Amino acid sequence: MHWKGVSLLDLAALVQPKPEATHLLCYGYDTYTTNIALEEALKPDVLLVHTFDGQPLQQKHGGPCRMITPELYAWKGAKWVKRIQFLTENKLGFWEGRGYSKTAYPWRNDRYSN
């Protein structure tokens, strides 16, 4: 898959979140939210994608902007992104508030909250 977009790490360098920020909450136009620890969100492979296979990202696939989090379960990658909020504490997103893992590491079988 050939995604093209802006690194969340680069975006954070521009907006300069406060030093006490520990998490972010990503909001979609469909009212979906998801939380991500900054430690994970600021990895160089986390992208705000606008292009797929050389074409603008289609709305049915999350366009015009979708977050890709390759090292986490897919629900951490919000579609139809409209807002990203840097937080000083963890706030549960849509699935996390319904019992899904707050961290979502697939290699640790970390799908549900304890």
PDB file of N, CA and C in Angstrom:
ATOM      1  N   MET A   1       0.842  -1.163   0.000  1.00  0.00           N
ATOM      2  CA  MET A   1       0.000   0.000   0.000  1.00  0.00           C
ATOM      3  C   MET A   1       0.895   1.237   0.000  1.00  0.00           C
ATOM      4  N   HIS A   2       0.571   2.175  -0.835  1.00  0.00           N
ATOM      5  CA  HIS A   2       1.380   3.381  -0.976  1.00  0.00           C
ATOM      6  C   HIS A   2       0.604   4.591  -0.462  1.00  0.00           C
ATOM      7  N   TRP A   3       0.846   4.902   0.817  1.00  0.00           N
ATOM      8  CA  TRP A   3       0.208   6.052   1.457  1.00  0.00           C
ATOM      9  C   TRP A   3       1.123   7.254   1.312  1.00  0.00           C
ATOM     10  N   LYS A   4       0.537   8.419   1.210  1.00  0.00           N
ATOM     11  CA  LYS A   4       1.316   9.660   1.224  1.00  0.00           C
ATOM     12  C   LYS A   4       0.595  10.643   2.136  1.00  0.00           C
ATOM     13  N   GLY A   5       1.362  11.325   2.964  1.00  0.00           N
ATOM     14  CA  GLY A   5       0.756  12.275   3.887  1.00  0.00           C
ATOM     15  C   GLY A   5       1.800  13.027   4.673  1.00  0.00           C
ATOM     16  N   VAL A   6       1.376  13.547   5.784  1.00  0.00           N
ATOM     17  CA  VAL A   6       2.223  14.340   6.666  1.00  0.00           C
ATOM     18  C   VAL A   6       2.492  13.527   7.929  1.00  0.00           C
ATOM     19  N   SER A   7       3.724  13.465   8.301  1.00  0.00           N
ATOM     20  CA  SER A   7       4.099  12.787   9.538  1.00  0.00           C
ATOM     21  C   SER A   7       3.521  13.548  10.732  1.00  0.00           C
ATOM     22  N   LEU A   8       2.900  12.827  11.646  1.00  0.00           N
ATOM     23  CA  LEU A   8       2.386  13.483  12.852  1.00  0.00           C
ATOM     24  C   LEU A   8       3.540  14.069  13.669  1.00  0.00           C
ATOM     25  N   LEU A   9       4.686  13.443  13.583  1.00  0.00           N
ATOM     26  CA  LEU A   9       5.884  13.975  14.238  1.00  0.00           C
ATOM     27  C   LEU A   9       6.231  15.357  13.688  1.00  0.00           C
ATOM     28  N   ASP A  10       6.156  15.510  12.375  1.00  0.00           N
ATOM     29  CA  ASP A  10       6.435  16.814  11.764  1.00  0.00           C
ATOM     30  C   ASP A  10       5.379  17.850  12.151  1.00  0.00           C
ATOM     31  N   LEU A  11       4.124  17.435  12.171  1.00  0.00           N
ATOM     32  CA  LEU A  11       3.054  18.344  12.578  1.00  0.00           C
ATOM     33  C   LEU A  11       3.260  18.811  14.021  1.00  0.00           C
ATOM     34  N   ALA A  12       3.600  17.882  14.898  1.00  0.00           N
ATOM     35  CA  ALA A  12       3.831  18.233  16.303  1.00  0.00           C
ATOM     36  C   ALA A  12       5.009  19.213  16.440  1.00  0.00           C
ATOM     37  N   ALA A  13       6.019  19.055  15.606  1.00  0.00           N
ATOM     38  CA  ALA A  13       7.159  19.980  15.650  1.00  0.00           C
ATOM     39  C   ALA A  13       6.719  21.395  15.290  1.00  0.00           C
ATOM     40  N   LEU A  14       5.741  21.507  14.400  1.00  0.00           N
ATOM     41  CA  LEU A  14       5.241  22.833  14.021  1.00  0.00           C
ATOM     42  C   LEU A  14       4.348  23.453  15.096  1.00  0.00           C
ATOM     43  N   VAL A  15       3.461  22.652  15.678  1.00  0.00           N
ATOM     44  CA  VAL A  15       2.518  23.204  16.655  1.00  0.00           C
ATOM     45  C   VAL A  15       3.105  23.290  18.056  1.00  0.00           C
ATOM     46  N   GLN A  16       4.161  22.554  18.336  1.00  0.00           N
ATOM     47  CA  GLN A  16       4.860  22.572  19.614  1.00  0.00           C
ATOM     48  C   GLN A  16       3.922  22.393  20.808  1.00  0.00           C
ATOM     49  N   PRO A  17       3.422  21.162  21.013  1.00  0.00           N
ATOM     50  CA  PRO A  17       2.563  20.938  22.180  1.00  0.00           C
ATOM     51  C   PRO A  17       3.309  21.264  23.479  1.00  0.00           C
ATOM     52  N   LYS A  18       2.553  21.577  24.495  1.00  0.00           N
ATOM     53  CA  LYS A  18       3.157  21.874  25.790  1.00  0.00           C
ATOM     54  C   LYS A  18       3.954  20.666  26.281  1.00  0.00           C
ATOM     55  N   PRO A  19       5.029  20.912  27.027  1.00  0.00           N
ATOM     56  CA  PRO A  19       5.873  19.811  27.513  1.00  0.00           C
ATOM     57  C   PRO A  19       5.107  18.788  28.348  1.00  0.00           C
ATOM     58  N   GLU A  20       4.024  19.223  28.998  1.00  0.00           N
ATOM     59  CA  GLU A  20       3.263  18.297  29.845  1.00  0.00           C
ATOM     60  C   GLU A  20       2.280  17.424  29.064  1.00  0.00           C
ATOM     61  N   ALA A  21       2.198  17.606  27.745  1.00  0.00           N
ATOM     62  CA  ALA A  21       1.302  16.767  26.926  1.00  0.00           C
ATOM     63  C   ALA A  21       1.785  15.323  26.945  1.00  0.00           C
ATOM     64  N   THR A  22       0.852  14.397  27.135  1.00  0.00           N
ATOM     65  CA  THR A  22       1.168  12.970  27.197  1.00  0.00           C
ATOM     66  C   THR A  22       0.391  12.142  26.177  1.00  0.00           C
ATOM     67  N   HIS A  23      -0.723  12.660  25.679  1.00  0.00           N
ATOM     68  CA  HIS A  23      -1.605  11.928  24.771  1.00  0.00           C
ATOM     69  C   HIS A  23      -2.183  12.877  23.740  1.00  0.00           C
ATOM     70  N   LEU A  24      -2.798  12.294  22.738  1.00  0.00           N
ATOM     71  CA  LEU A  24      -3.610  13.097  21.850  1.00  0.00           C
ATOM     72  C   LEU A  24      -4.941  12.404  21.654  1.00  0.00           C
ATOM     73  N   LEU A  25      -5.926  13.191  21.280  1.00  0.00           N
ATOM     74  CA  LEU A  25      -7.248  12.683  20.953  1.00  0.00           C
ATOM     75  C   LEU A  25      -7.530  13.142  19.534  1.00  0.00           C
ATOM     76  N   CYS A  26      -7.830  12.196  18.687  1.00  0.00           N
ATOM     77  CA  CYS A  26      -8.099  12.481  17.284  1.00  0.00           C
ATOM     78  C   CYS A  26      -9.600  12.397  17.061  1.00  0.00           C
ATOM     79  N   TYR A  27     -10.154  13.433  16.446  1.00  0.00           N
ATOM     80  CA  TYR A  27     -11.596  13.539  16.198  1.00  0.00           C
ATOM     81  C   TYR A  27     -11.867  13.405  14.709  1.00  0.00           C
ATOM     82  N   GLY A  28     -12.878  12.614  14.360  1.00  0.00           N
ATOM     83  CA  GLY A  28     -13.307  12.501  12.975  1.00  0.00           C
ATOM     84  C   GLY A  28     -14.602  13.261  12.747  1.00  0.00           C
ATOM     85  N   TYR A  29     -14.862  13.611  11.495  1.00  0.00           N
ATOM     86  CA  TYR A  29     -16.105  14.299  11.147  1.00  0.00           C
ATOM     87  C   TYR A  29     -17.337  13.441  11.433  1.00  0.00           C
ATOM     88  N   ASP A  30     -17.156  12.139  11.558  1.00  0.00           N
ATOM     89  CA  ASP A  30     -18.263  11.232  11.856  1.00  0.00           C
ATOM     90  C   ASP A  30     -18.501  11.093  13.356  1.00  0.00           C
ATOM     91  N   THR A  31     -17.903  11.918  14.181  1.00  0.00           N
ATOM     92  CA  THR A  31     -17.958  11.961  15.644  1.00  0.00           C
ATOM     93  C   THR A  31     -17.085  10.894  16.309  1.00  0.00           C
ATOM     94  N   TYR A  32     -16.364  10.088  15.542  1.00  0.00           N
ATOM     95  CA  TYR A  32     -15.450   9.088  16.091  1.00  0.00           C
ATOM     96  C   TYR A  32     -14.273   9.784  16.757  1.00  0.00           C
ATOM     97  N   THR A  33     -13.805   9.221  17.847  1.00  0.00           N
ATOM     98  CA  THR A  33     -12.594   9.702  18.518  1.00  0.00           C
ATOM     99  C   THR A  33     -11.718   8.511  18.872  1.00  0.00           C
ATOM    100  N   THR A  34     -10.436   8.755  18.956  1.00  0.00           N
ATOM    101  CA  THR A  34      -9.517   7.740  19.451  1.00  0.00           C
ATOM    102  C   THR A  34      -8.345   8.417  20.150  1.00  0.00           C
ATOM    103  N   ASN A  35      -7.893   7.798  21.227  1.00  0.00           N
ATOM    104  CA  ASN A  35      -6.773   8.339  21.989  1.00  0.00           C
ATOM    105  C   ASN A  35      -5.487   7.600  21.626  1.00  0.00           C
ATOM    106  N   ILE A  36      -4.378   8.311  21.710  1.00  0.00           N
ATOM    107  CA  ILE A  36      -3.072   7.702  21.452  1.00  0.00           C
ATOM    108  C   ILE A  36      -2.051   8.378  22.356  1.00  0.00           C
ATOM    109  N   ALA A  37      -1.241   7.571  23.023  1.00  0.00           N
ATOM    110  CA  ALA A  37      -0.136   8.117  23.812  1.00  0.00           C
ATOM    111  C   ALA A  37       0.844   8.808  22.866  1.00  0.00           C
ATOM    112  N   LEU A  38       1.379   9.946  23.260  1.00  0.00           N
ATOM    113  CA  LEU A  38       2.321  10.673  22.408  1.00  0.00           C
ATOM    114  C   LEU A  38       3.526   9.820  22.041  1.00  0.00           C
ATOM    115  N   GLU A  39       3.937   8.967  22.949  1.00  0.00           N
ATOM    116  CA  GLU A  39       5.056   8.065  22.685  1.00  0.00           C
ATOM    117  C   GLU A  39       4.819   7.261  21.409  1.00  0.00           C
ATOM    118  N   GLU A  40       3.574   6.849  21.179  1.00  0.00           N
ATOM    119  CA  GLU A  40       3.219   6.100  19.971  1.00  0.00           C
ATOM    120  C   GLU A  40       2.891   7.021  18.802  1.00  0.00           C
ATOM    121  N   ALA A  41       2.160   8.087  19.070  1.00  0.00           N
ATOM    122  CA  ALA A  41       1.711   8.993  18.006  1.00  0.00           C
ATOM    123  C   ALA A  41       2.872   9.684  17.308  1.00  0.00           C
ATOM    124  N   LEU A  42       3.969   9.899  18.015  1.00  0.00           N
ATOM    125  CA  LEU A  42       5.085  10.639  17.442  1.00  0.00           C
ATOM    126  C   LEU A  42       6.162   9.742  16.852  1.00  0.00           C
ATOM    127  N   LYS A  43       5.808   8.500  16.579  1.00  0.00           N
ATOM    128  CA  LYS A  43       6.732   7.625  15.852  1.00  0.00           C
ATOM    129  C   LYS A  43       6.734   8.062  14.386  1.00  0.00           C
ATOM    130  N   PRO A  44       7.878   7.933  13.721  1.00  0.00           N
ATOM    131  CA  PRO A  44       7.994   8.476  12.359  1.00  0.00           C
ATOM    132  C   PRO A  44       7.075   7.828  11.325  1.00  0.00           C
ATOM    133  N   ASP A  45       6.508   6.666  11.611  1.00  0.00           N
ATOM    134  CA  ASP A  45       5.642   6.012  10.623  1.00  0.00           C
ATOM    135  C   ASP A  45       4.156   6.347  10.792  1.00  0.00           C
ATOM    136  N   VAL A  46       3.805   7.175  11.766  1.00  0.00           N
ATOM    137  CA  VAL A  46       2.406   7.600  11.950  1.00  0.00           C
ATOM    138  C   VAL A  46       2.158   8.779  11.010  1.00  0.00           C
ATOM    139  N   LEU A  47       1.157   8.608  10.136  1.00  0.00           N
ATOM    140  CA  LEU A  47       0.902   9.601   9.097  1.00  0.00           C
ATOM    141  C   LEU A  47      -0.528  10.111   9.122  1.00  0.00           C
ATOM    142  N   LEU A  48      -0.676  11.348   8.722  1.00  0.00           N
ATOM    143  CA  LEU A  48      -1.973  11.918   8.369  1.00  0.00           C
ATOM    144  C   LEU A  48      -2.017  11.832   6.848  1.00  0.00           C
ATOM    145  N   VAL A  49      -2.732  10.847   6.358  1.00  0.00           N
ATOM    146  CA  VAL A  49      -2.704  10.479   4.940  1.00  0.00           C
ATOM    147  C   VAL A  49      -3.725  11.276   4.143  1.00  0.00           C
ATOM    148  N   HIS A  50      -3.303  11.743   2.965  1.00  0.00           N
ATOM    149  CA  HIS A  50      -4.200  12.437   2.037  1.00  0.00           C
ATOM    150  C   HIS A  50      -4.205  11.792   0.654  1.00  0.00           C
ATOM    151  N   THR A  51      -3.258  10.868   0.407  1.00  0.00           N
ATOM    152  CA  THR A  51      -3.118  10.247  -0.908  1.00  0.00           C
ATOM    153  C   THR A  51      -2.903   8.747  -0.760  1.00  0.00           C
ATOM    154  N   PHE A  52      -3.548   7.975  -1.633  1.00  0.00           N
ATOM    155  CA  PHE A  52      -3.368   6.528  -1.657  1.00  0.00           C
ATOM    156  C   PHE A  52      -3.126   6.093  -3.100  1.00  0.00           C
ATOM    157  N   ASP A  53      -2.025   5.385  -3.329  1.00  0.00           N
ATOM    158  CA  ASP A  53      -1.643   4.927  -4.670  1.00  0.00           C
ATOM    159  C   ASP A  53      -1.682   6.060  -5.698  1.00  0.00           C
ATOM    160  N   GLY A  54      -1.196   7.237  -5.305  1.00  0.00           N
ATOM    161  CA  GLY A  54      -1.067   8.365  -6.212  1.00  0.00           C
ATOM    162  C   GLY A  54      -2.339   9.165  -6.465  1.00  0.00           C
ATOM    163  N   GLN A  55      -3.421   8.802  -5.799  1.00  0.00           N
ATOM    164  CA  GLN A  55      -4.702   9.492  -5.978  1.00  0.00           C
ATOM    165  C   GLN A  55      -5.158  10.088  -4.648  1.00  0.00           C
ATOM    166  N   PRO A  56      -5.908  11.199  -4.675  1.00  0.00           N
ATOM    167  CA  PRO A  56      -6.458  11.731  -3.427  1.00  0.00           C
ATOM    168  C   PRO A  56      -7.252  10.647  -2.703  1.00  0.00           C
ATOM    169  N   LEU A  57      -7.086  10.589  -1.403  1.00  0.00           N
ATOM    170  CA  LEU A  57      -7.776   9.587  -0.592  1.00  0.00           C
ATOM    171  C   LEU A  57      -9.285   9.759  -0.726  1.00  0.00           C
ATOM    172  N   GLN A  58      -9.961   8.706  -1.151  1.00  0.00           N
ATOM    173  CA  GLN A  58     -11.407   8.764  -1.347  1.00  0.00           C
ATOM    174  C   GLN A  58     -12.140   8.880  -0.011  1.00  0.00           C
ATOM    175  N   GLN A  59     -13.255   9.558  -0.043  1.00  0.00           N
ATOM    176  CA  GLN A  59     -14.052   9.745   1.170  1.00  0.00           C
ATOM    177  C   GLN A  59     -14.445   8.407   1.796  1.00  0.00           C
ATOM    178  N   LYS A  60     -14.798   7.430   0.988  1.00  0.00           N
ATOM    179  CA  LYS A  60     -15.221   6.133   1.534  1.00  0.00           C
ATOM    180  C   LYS A  60     -14.086   5.415   2.268  1.00  0.00           C
ATOM    181  N   HIS A  61     -12.850   5.854   2.058  1.00  0.00           N
ATOM    182  CA  HIS A  61     -11.701   5.267   2.748  1.00  0.00           C
ATOM    183  C   HIS A  61     -11.104   6.203   3.796  1.00  0.00           C
ATOM    184  N   GLY A  62     -11.839   7.271   4.145  1.00  0.00           N
ATOM    185  CA  GLY A  62     -11.385   8.160   5.205  1.00  0.00           C
ATOM    186  C   GLY A  62     -10.918   9.513   4.746  1.00  0.00           C
ATOM    187  N   GLY A  63     -10.988   9.785   3.454  1.00  0.00           N
ATOM    188  CA  GLY A  63     -10.545  11.063   2.914  1.00  0.00           C
ATOM    189  C   GLY A  63     -11.464  12.198   3.312  1.00  0.00           C
ATOM    190  N   PRO A  64     -10.937  13.368   3.351  1.00  0.00           N
ATOM    191  CA  PRO A  64      -9.676  13.781   2.762  1.00  0.00           C
ATOM    192  C   PRO A  64      -8.449  13.534   3.631  1.00  0.00           C
ATOM    193  N   CYS A  65      -8.607  13.177   4.893  1.00  0.00           N
ATOM    194  CA  CYS A  65      -7.458  12.957   5.773  1.00  0.00           C
ATOM    195  C   CYS A  65      -7.761  11.823   6.746  1.00  0.00           C
ATOM    196  N   ARG A  66      -6.831  10.907   6.803  1.00  0.00           N
ATOM    197  CA  ARG A  66      -6.976   9.733   7.668  1.00  0.00           C
ATOM    198  C   ARG A  66      -5.651   9.501   8.383  1.00  0.00           C
ATOM    199  N   MET A  67      -5.717   9.078   9.648  1.00  0.00           N
ATOM    200  CA  MET A  67      -4.500   8.769  10.391  1.00  0.00           C
ATOM    201  C   MET A  67      -4.169   7.287  10.240  1.00  0.00           C
ATOM    202  N   ILE A  68      -2.910   6.993   9.944  1.00  0.00           N
ATOM    203  CA  ILE A  68      -2.424   5.621   9.840  1.00  0.00           C
ATOM    204  C   ILE A  68      -1.450   5.398  10.989  1.00  0.00           C
ATOM    205  N   THR A  69      -1.706   4.366  11.785  1.00  0.00           N
ATOM    206  CA  THR A  69      -0.858   4.013  12.935  1.00  0.00           C
ATOM    207  C   THR A  69      -0.370   2.573  12.742  1.00  0.00           C
ATOM    208  N   PRO A  70       0.680   2.355  11.947  1.00  0.00           N
ATOM    209  CA  PRO A  70       1.084   1.006  11.553  1.00  0.00           C
ATOM    210  C   PRO A  70       1.421   0.047  12.684  1.00  0.00           C
ATOM    211  N   GLU A  71       1.846   0.548  13.827  1.00  0.00           N
ATOM    212  CA  GLU A  71       2.254  -0.342  14.910  1.00  0.00           C
ATOM    213  C   GLU A  71       1.141  -0.609  15.920  1.00  0.00           C
ATOM    214  N   LEU A  72      -0.065  -0.076  15.666  1.00  0.00           N
ATOM    215  CA  LEU A  72      -1.191  -0.259  16.590  1.00  0.00           C
ATOM    216  C   LEU A  72      -2.377  -0.860  15.842  1.00  0.00           C
ATOM    217  N   TYR A  73      -3.318  -1.403  16.610  1.00  0.00           N
ATOM    218  CA  TYR A  73      -4.544  -1.885  15.980  1.00  0.00           C
ATOM    219  C   TYR A  73      -5.195  -0.751  15.198  1.00  0.00           C
ATOM    220  N   ALA A  74      -5.924  -1.112  14.166  1.00  0.00           N
ATOM    221  CA  ALA A  74      -6.457  -0.144  13.199  1.00  0.00           C
ATOM    222  C   ALA A  74      -7.430   0.858  13.800  1.00  0.00           C
ATOM    223  N   TRP A  75      -8.136   0.535  14.897  1.00  0.00           N
ATOM    224  CA  TRP A  75      -9.087   1.519  15.428  1.00  0.00           C
ATOM    225  C   TRP A  75      -8.397   2.774  15.953  1.00  0.00           C
ATOM    226  N   LYS A  76      -7.078   2.725  16.108  1.00  0.00           N
ATOM    227  CA  LYS A  76      -6.334   3.921  16.514  1.00  0.00           C
ATOM    228  C   LYS A  76      -6.132   4.890  15.355  1.00  0.00           C
ATOM    229  N   GLY A  77      -6.379   4.445  14.140  1.00  0.00           N
ATOM    230  CA  GLY A  77      -6.225   5.280  12.963  1.00  0.00           C
ATOM    231  C   GLY A  77      -7.557   5.873  12.544  1.00  0.00           C
ATOM    232  N   ALA A  78      -7.875   7.036  13.038  1.00  0.00           N
ATOM    233  CA  ALA A  78      -9.164   7.673  12.747  1.00  0.00           C
ATOM    234  C   ALA A  78      -9.275   8.057  11.275  1.00  0.00           C
ATOM    235  N   LYS A  79     -10.479   7.958  10.759  1.00  0.00           N
ATOM    236  CA  LYS A  79     -10.787   8.409   9.397  1.00  0.00           C
ATOM    237  C   LYS A  79     -11.474   9.772   9.488  1.00  0.00           C
ATOM    238  N   TRP A  80     -11.511  10.470   8.350  1.00  0.00           N
ATOM    239  CA  TRP A  80     -12.200  11.760   8.232  1.00  0.00           C
ATOM    240  C   TRP A  80     -11.756  12.731   9.333  1.00  0.00           C
ATOM    241  N   VAL A  81     -10.442  12.809   9.558  1.00  0.00           N
ATOM    242  CA  VAL A  81      -9.885  13.612  10.647  1.00  0.00           C
ATOM    243  C   VAL A  81     -10.227  15.089  10.463  1.00  0.00           C
ATOM    244  N   LYS A  82     -10.771  15.670  11.538  1.00  0.00           N
ATOM    245  CA  LYS A  82     -11.054  17.111  11.523  1.00  0.00           C
ATOM    246  C   LYS A  82     -10.307  17.860  12.611  1.00  0.00           C
ATOM    247  N   ARG A  83      -9.858  17.142  13.637  1.00  0.00           N
ATOM    248  CA  ARG A  83      -9.225  17.830  14.767  1.00  0.00           C
ATOM    249  C   ARG A  83      -8.313  16.866  15.514  1.00  0.00           C
ATOM    250  N   ILE A  84      -7.186  17.388  15.968  1.00  0.00           N
ATOM    251  CA  ILE A  84      -6.269  16.633  16.819  1.00  0.00           C
ATOM    252  C   ILE A  84      -5.993  17.499  18.035  1.00  0.00           C
ATOM    253  N   GLN A  85      -6.240  16.940  19.199  1.00  0.00           N
ATOM    254  CA  GLN A  85      -6.070  17.685  20.451  1.00  0.00           C
ATOM    255  C   GLN A  85      -4.962  17.030  21.275  1.00  0.00           C
ATOM    256  N   PHE A  86      -3.978  17.825  21.664  1.00  0.00           N
ATOM    257  CA  PHE A  86      -2.928  17.339  22.557  1.00  0.00           C
ATOM    258  C   PHE A  86      -3.428  17.475  23.988  1.00  0.00           C
ATOM    259  N   LEU A  87      -3.243  16.422  24.781  1.00  0.00           N
ATOM    260  CA  LEU A  87      -3.796  16.351  26.142  1.00  0.00           C
ATOM    261  C   LEU A  87      -2.704  16.157  27.181  1.00  0.00           C
ATOM    262  N   THR A  88      -2.971  16.603  28.388  1.00  0.00           N
ATOM    263  CA  THR A  88      -2.039  16.400  29.503  1.00  0.00           C
ATOM    264  C   THR A  88      -2.394  15.151  30.311  1.00  0.00           C
ATOM    265  N   GLU A  89      -3.469  14.484  29.916  1.00  0.00           N
ATOM    266  CA  GLU A  89      -3.832  13.200  30.534  1.00  0.00           C
ATOM    267  C   GLU A  89      -4.598  12.389  29.504  1.00  0.00           C
ATOM    268  N   ASN A  90      -4.686  11.100  29.748  1.00  0.00           N
ATOM    269  CA  ASN A  90      -5.370  10.216  28.815  1.00  0.00           C
ATOM    270  C   ASN A  90      -6.886  10.431  28.878  1.00  0.00           C
ATOM    271  N   LYS A  91      -7.519  10.515  27.729  1.00  0.00           N
ATOM    272  CA  LYS A  91      -8.970  10.606  27.643  1.00  0.00           C
ATOM    273  C   LYS A  91      -9.421   9.522  26.677  1.00  0.00           C
ATOM    274  N   LEU A  92     -10.393   8.720  27.073  1.00  0.00           N
ATOM    275  CA  LEU A  92     -10.811   7.587  26.263  1.00  0.00           C
ATOM    276  C   LEU A  92     -11.537   8.037  25.005  1.00  0.00           C
ATOM    277  N   GLY A  93     -11.245   7.353  23.911  1.00  0.00           N
ATOM    278  CA  GLY A  93     -11.937   7.564  22.659  1.00  0.00           C
ATOM    279  C   GLY A  93     -13.150   6.644  22.560  1.00  0.00           C
ATOM    280  N   PHE A  94     -13.748   6.580  21.379  1.00  0.00           N
ATOM    281  CA  PHE A  94     -14.980   5.823  21.157  1.00  0.00           C
ATOM    282  C   PHE A  94     -14.849   4.359  21.587  1.00  0.00           C
ATOM    283  N   TRP A  95     -13.922   3.620  21.010  1.00  0.00           N
ATOM    284  CA  TRP A  95     -13.810   2.194  21.337  1.00  0.00           C
ATOM    285  C   TRP A  95     -13.173   1.961  22.701  1.00  0.00           C
ATOM    286  N   GLU A  96     -12.273   2.810  23.099  1.00  0.00           N
ATOM    287  CA  GLU A  96     -11.624   2.651  24.401  1.00  0.00           C
ATOM    288  C   GLU A  96     -12.651   2.779  25.525  1.00  0.00           C
ATOM    289  N   GLY A  97     -13.626   3.655  25.362  1.00  0.00           N
ATOM    290  CA  GLY A  97     -14.690   3.814  26.349  1.00  0.00           C
ATOM    291  C   GLY A  97     -15.644   2.637  26.381  1.00  0.00           C
ATOM    292  N   ARG A  98     -15.536   1.745  25.394  1.00  0.00           N
ATOM    293  CA  ARG A  98     -16.400   0.559  25.314  1.00  0.00           C
ATOM    294  C   ARG A  98     -15.634  -0.724  25.617  1.00  0.00           C
ATOM    295  N   GLY A  99     -14.459  -0.576  26.230  1.00  0.00           N
ATOM    296  CA  GLY A  99     -13.720  -1.739  26.698  1.00  0.00           C
ATOM    297  C   GLY A  99     -12.538  -2.171  25.857  1.00  0.00           C
ATOM    298  N   TYR A 100     -12.288  -1.489  24.757  1.00  0.00           N
ATOM    299  CA  TYR A 100     -11.111  -1.837  23.974  1.00  0.00           C
ATOM    300  C   TYR A 100      -9.863  -1.262  24.647  1.00  0.00           C
ATOM    301  N   SER A 101      -8.723  -1.821  24.315  1.00  0.00           N
ATOM    302  CA  SER A 101      -7.456  -1.422  24.905  1.00  0.00           C
ATOM    303  C   SER A 101      -7.153   0.053  24.666  1.00  0.00           C
ATOM    304  N   LYS A 102      -6.551   0.682  25.651  1.00  0.00           N
ATOM    305  CA  LYS A 102      -6.127   2.074  25.518  1.00  0.00           C
ATOM    306  C   LYS A 102      -4.819   2.177  24.731  1.00  0.00           C
ATOM    307  N   THR A 103      -4.049   1.082  24.687  1.00  0.00           N
ATOM    308  CA  THR A 103      -2.752   1.099  24.024  1.00  0.00           C
ATOM    309  C   THR A 103      -2.761   0.392  22.672  1.00  0.00           C
ATOM    310  N   ALA A 104      -3.469  -0.706  22.515  1.00  0.00           N
ATOM    311  CA  ALA A 104      -3.720  -1.382  21.231  1.00  0.00           C
ATOM    312  C   ALA A 104      -2.478  -1.896  20.512  1.00  0.00           C
ATOM    313  N   TYR A 105      -1.624  -2.626  21.224  1.00  0.00           N
ATOM    314  CA  TYR A 105      -0.448  -3.230  20.602  1.00  0.00           C
ATOM    315  C   TYR A 105      -0.809  -4.611  20.054  1.00  0.00           C
ATOM    316  N   PRO A 106      -0.875  -4.780  18.738  1.00  0.00           N
ATOM    317  CA  PRO A 106      -1.279  -6.079  18.198  1.00  0.00           C
ATOM    318  C   PRO A 106      -0.288  -7.197  18.520  1.00  0.00           C
ATOM    319  N   TRP A 107       0.995  -6.885  18.636  1.00  0.00           N
ATOM    320  CA  TRP A 107       2.003  -7.927  18.864  1.00  0.00           C
ATOM    321  C   TRP A 107       1.959  -8.430  20.308  1.00  0.00           C
ATOM    322  N   ARG A 108       1.212  -7.756  21.160  1.00  0.00           N
ATOM    323  CA  ARG A 108       1.064  -8.191  22.561  1.00  0.00           C
ATOM    324  C   ARG A 108      -0.356  -8.740  22.816  1.00  0.00           C
ATOM    325  N   ASN A 109      -1.125  -8.893  21.737  1.00  0.00           N
ATOM    326  CA  ASN A 109      -2.520  -9.335  21.835  1.00  0.00           C
ATOM    327  C   ASN A 109      -3.291  -8.429  22.800  1.00  0.00           C
ATOM    328  N   ASP A 110      -3.047  -7.159  22.672  1.00  0.00           N
ATOM    329  CA  ASP A 110      -3.576  -6.129  23.569  1.00  0.00           C
ATOM    330  C   ASP A 110      -4.823  -5.497  22.942  1.00  0.00           C
ATOM    331  N   ARG A 111      -5.891  -6.271  22.862  1.00  0.00           N
ATOM    332  CA  ARG A 111      -7.093  -5.787  22.186  1.00  0.00           C
ATOM    333  C   ARG A 111      -8.122  -5.212  23.143  1.00  0.00           C
ATOM    334  N   TYR A 112      -8.219  -5.749  24.351  1.00  0.00           N
ATOM    335  CA  TYR A 112      -9.243  -5.310  25.297  1.00  0.00           C
ATOM    336  C   TYR A 112      -8.614  -4.794  26.573  1.00  0.00           C
ATOM    337  N   SER A 113      -9.335  -3.890  27.257  1.00  0.00           N
ATOM    338  CA  SER A 113      -8.875  -3.379  28.553  1.00  0.00           C
ATOM    339  C   SER A 113      -8.893  -4.504  29.577  1.00  0.00           C
ATOM    340  N   ASN A 114      -8.046  -4.381  30.537  1.00  0.00           N
ATOM    341  CA  ASN A 114      -8.009  -5.383  31.631  1.00  0.00           C
ATOM    342  C   ASN A 114      -9.056  -5.097  32.652  1.00  0.00           C
TER     343      ASN A 114
END
